[in-house]
Amino acid sequence: MKNNEFNFDDAIGSDKNPELSKKQHDTIRAARKAAYENRPNHDKIEDLLDGFRFSLKRNASDLQTTEGKNFGQYLNDLLREMNIKRSTFANYIQISPRNINKYLSGERKFNIEQALMLEKIFKISAKTVLTLQWNIEIAKAKKKGNLDGLSLNDLLEA
């Protein structure tokens, strides 16, 4: 960058990593926001879905998941970002609109049939949905304890 002149191309994708002023950062941020907002809605939705799928797969594969975000919370965030009303979604997947909050908070778990519906709608594996739910349930059960006194040797001696 020469004489305080700002060139967007110099700042993005450059190996040089130039020091940018706050004004230059703001200019880049505004340009990125404008580029995003000018994209077709379909592309924006695909971006949201890609992020949704990535987060779910990452967390479902983490066997050490403790009390992280449950599937319902991920889904709730996605519905909000996509401007889909909870009641509309509930009716669409044949869940009572009165109960949808229990699913989206994680109080109720999605069953296999519902997971298959979600797979079809959002292109996320039903197995990923169910695995994430189960990993969190397993972690909660382990955290409760009640398993410390169990061993095969004690069983054999009983």
Protein backbone atom coordinates (compact mmCIF):
# COMPACT_ATOMS: atom_id res chain seq x y z
CA MET A 1 0.00 0.00 0.00
CA LYS A 2 1.38 3.31 -1.01
CA ASN A 3 0.95 6.63 0.69
CA ASN A 4 -2.05 5.64 2.76
CA GLU A 5 -3.80 4.41 -0.39
CA PHE A 6 -5.99 1.38 0.19
CA ASN A 7 -6.27 -1.46 -2.28
CA PHE A 8 -8.72 -4.21 -1.35
CA ASP A 9 -6.82 -6.80 -3.41
CA ASP A 10 -3.60 -6.04 -1.54
CA ALA A 11 -5.26 -6.82 1.78
CA ILE A 12 -7.13 -9.98 0.80
CA GLY A 13 -5.23 -13.10 -0.18
CA SER A 14 -1.84 -11.48 0.06
CA ASP A 15 1.11 -13.32 1.53
CA LYS A 16 2.38 -9.99 2.81
CA ASN A 17 -0.32 -9.56 5.48
CA PRO A 18 -0.07 -5.79 5.57
CA GLU A 19 -0.87 -3.87 8.73
CA LEU A 20 -4.31 -2.36 8.29
CA SER A 21 -5.80 0.63 10.00
CA LYS A 22 -9.21 0.50 11.66
CA LYS A 23 -10.63 2.40 8.71
CA GLN A 24 -9.20 -0.17 6.30
CA HIS A 25 -10.58 -3.03 8.39
CA ASP A 26 -13.97 -1.32 8.37
CA THR A 27 -13.75 -0.90 4.58
CA ILE A 28 -13.01 -4.61 4.14
CA ARG A 29 -15.80 -5.57 6.51
CA ALA A 30 -18.27 -3.34 4.63
CA ALA A 31 -17.15 -4.76 1.26
CA ARG A 32 -17.55 -8.34 2.50
CA LYS A 33 -20.98 -7.56 3.94
CA ALA A 34 -22.09 -5.95 0.68
CA ALA A 35 -20.78 -8.90 -1.32
CA TYR A 36 -22.69 -11.28 0.95
CA GLU A 37 -25.91 -9.27 0.86
CA ASN A 38 -25.82 -9.09 -2.94
CA ARG A 39 -25.69 -12.88 -3.25
CA PRO A 40 -28.85 -14.77 -4.20
CA ASN A 41 -30.95 -16.05 -1.28
CA HIS A 42 -30.33 -19.64 -2.37
CA ASP A 43 -26.57 -19.16 -1.90
CA LYS A 44 -27.07 -17.60 1.53
CA ILE A 45 -29.23 -20.54 2.59
CA GLU A 46 -26.63 -23.01 1.34
CA ASP A 47 -23.98 -21.18 3.38
CA LEU A 48 -26.16 -21.45 6.50
CA LEU A 49 -26.77 -25.14 5.84
CA ASP A 50 -23.07 -25.81 5.27
CA GLY A 51 -22.24 -24.24 8.64
CA PHE A 52 -25.08 -26.17 10.30
CA ARG A 53 -23.91 -29.48 8.83
CA PHE A 54 -20.27 -28.83 9.68
CA SER A 55 -21.05 -27.99 13.32
CA LEU A 56 -23.26 -31.03 13.74
CA LYS A 57 -20.76 -33.44 12.20
CA ARG A 58 -17.91 -32.03 14.26
CA ASN A 59 -19.83 -32.28 17.52
CA ALA A 60 -21.39 -35.67 16.74
CA SER A 61 -17.94 -37.12 16.13
CA ASP A 62 -16.63 -35.74 19.43
CA LEU A 63 -17.09 -38.64 21.83
CA GLN A 64 -16.06 -36.36 24.69
CA THR A 65 -19.07 -34.08 24.12
CA THR A 66 -20.36 -33.10 27.51
CA GLU A 67 -23.08 -30.54 27.85
CA GLY A 68 -22.47 -28.65 24.66
CA LYS A 69 -25.15 -27.49 22.37
CA ASN A 70 -27.78 -30.13 21.75
CA PHE A 71 -29.26 -30.84 18.35
CA GLY A 72 -32.45 -28.92 19.11
CA GLN A 73 -30.45 -25.78 19.88
CA TYR A 74 -28.56 -26.06 16.59
CA LEU A 75 -31.83 -26.52 14.77
CA ASN A 76 -33.45 -23.61 16.60
CA ASP A 77 -30.58 -21.33 15.57
CA LEU A 78 -30.86 -22.50 11.96
CA LEU A 79 -34.62 -21.92 11.84
CA ARG A 80 -34.16 -18.42 13.27
CA GLU A 81 -31.42 -17.58 10.75
CA MET A 82 -33.60 -18.86 7.91
CA ASN A 83 -36.66 -16.96 9.20
CA ILE A 84 -38.73 -20.12 9.53
CA LYS A 85 -41.37 -19.92 12.24
CA ARG A 86 -41.28 -22.67 14.83
CA SER A 87 -44.95 -23.42 14.36
CA THR A 88 -44.54 -23.71 10.58
CA PHE A 89 -41.62 -26.08 11.04
CA ALA A 90 -43.49 -28.13 13.66
CA ASN A 91 -46.48 -28.58 11.38
CA TYR A 92 -44.24 -29.46 8.45
CA ILE A 93 -42.52 -32.30 10.29
CA GLN A 94 -45.72 -33.34 12.09
CA ILE A 95 -44.81 -32.30 15.62
CA SER A 96 -47.35 -30.52 17.72
CA PRO A 97 -46.65 -26.77 17.69
CA ARG A 98 -47.21 -26.90 21.47
CA ASN A 99 -44.31 -29.34 21.84
CA ILE A 100 -41.81 -27.86 19.41
CA ASN A 101 -40.08 -25.85 22.15
CA LYS A 102 -39.32 -29.08 24.01
CA TYR A 103 -37.57 -30.45 20.93
CA LEU A 104 -35.69 -27.24 20.20
CA SER A 105 -34.48 -26.94 23.81
CA GLY A 106 -33.32 -30.56 23.89
CA GLU A 107 -35.87 -31.58 26.52
CA ARG A 108 -37.34 -34.03 24.00
CA LYS A 109 -35.28 -36.03 21.56
CA PHE A 110 -35.99 -36.44 17.88
CA ASN A 111 -36.87 -40.03 17.05
CA ILE A 112 -35.61 -42.02 14.08
CA GLU A 113 -38.54 -41.10 11.82
CA GLN A 114 -38.14 -37.41 12.61
CA ALA A 115 -34.38 -37.65 12.10
CA LEU A 116 -35.04 -39.11 8.65
CA MET A 117 -37.34 -36.17 7.87
CA LEU A 118 -34.60 -33.76 8.95
CA GLU A 119 -32.14 -35.65 6.78
CA LYS A 120 -34.37 -35.15 3.76
CA ILE A 121 -35.05 -31.47 4.47
CA PHE A 122 -31.61 -30.26 5.55
CA LYS A 123 -29.39 -32.90 3.91
CA ILE A 124 -27.86 -33.85 7.26
CA SER A 125 -27.46 -37.53 8.04
CA ALA A 126 -30.11 -38.89 10.40
CA LYS A 127 -27.28 -40.86 12.00
CA THR A 128 -25.47 -37.58 12.77
CA VAL A 129 -28.60 -36.14 14.40
CA LEU A 130 -29.12 -39.24 16.53
CA THR A 131 -25.42 -39.63 17.35
CA LEU A 132 -25.21 -36.06 18.63
CA GLN A 133 -28.29 -36.61 20.79
CA TRP A 134 -26.91 -39.88 22.17
CA ASN A 135 -23.42 -38.54 22.85
CA ILE A 136 -24.87 -35.76 24.97
CA GLU A 137 -27.15 -38.21 26.82
CA ILE A 138 -24.23 -40.57 27.49
CA ALA A 139 -22.09 -37.70 28.77
CA LYS A 140 -24.89 -36.56 31.11
CA ALA A 141 -25.35 -40.10 32.44
CA LYS A 142 -21.61 -40.47 33.05
CA LYS A 143 -21.53 -37.15 34.83
CA LYS A 144 -24.29 -38.28 37.22
CA GLY A 145 -22.00 -41.04 38.40
CA ASN A 146 -23.69 -44.11 39.87
CA LEU A 147 -21.20 -46.22 37.89
CA ASP A 148 -18.11 -45.99 40.07
CA GLY A 149 -18.76 -49.16 42.08
CA LEU A 150 -19.29 -51.39 39.07
CA SER A 151 -16.69 -53.86 37.79
CA LEU A 152 -16.56 -57.28 36.17
CA ASN A 153 -14.48 -58.64 39.07
CA ASP A 154 -17.16 -57.64 41.60
CA LEU A 155 -19.82 -59.27 39.42
CA LEU A 156 -17.83 -62.50 39.16
CA GLU A 157 -17.36 -62.56 42.94
CA ALA A 158 -21.06 -61.99 43.64
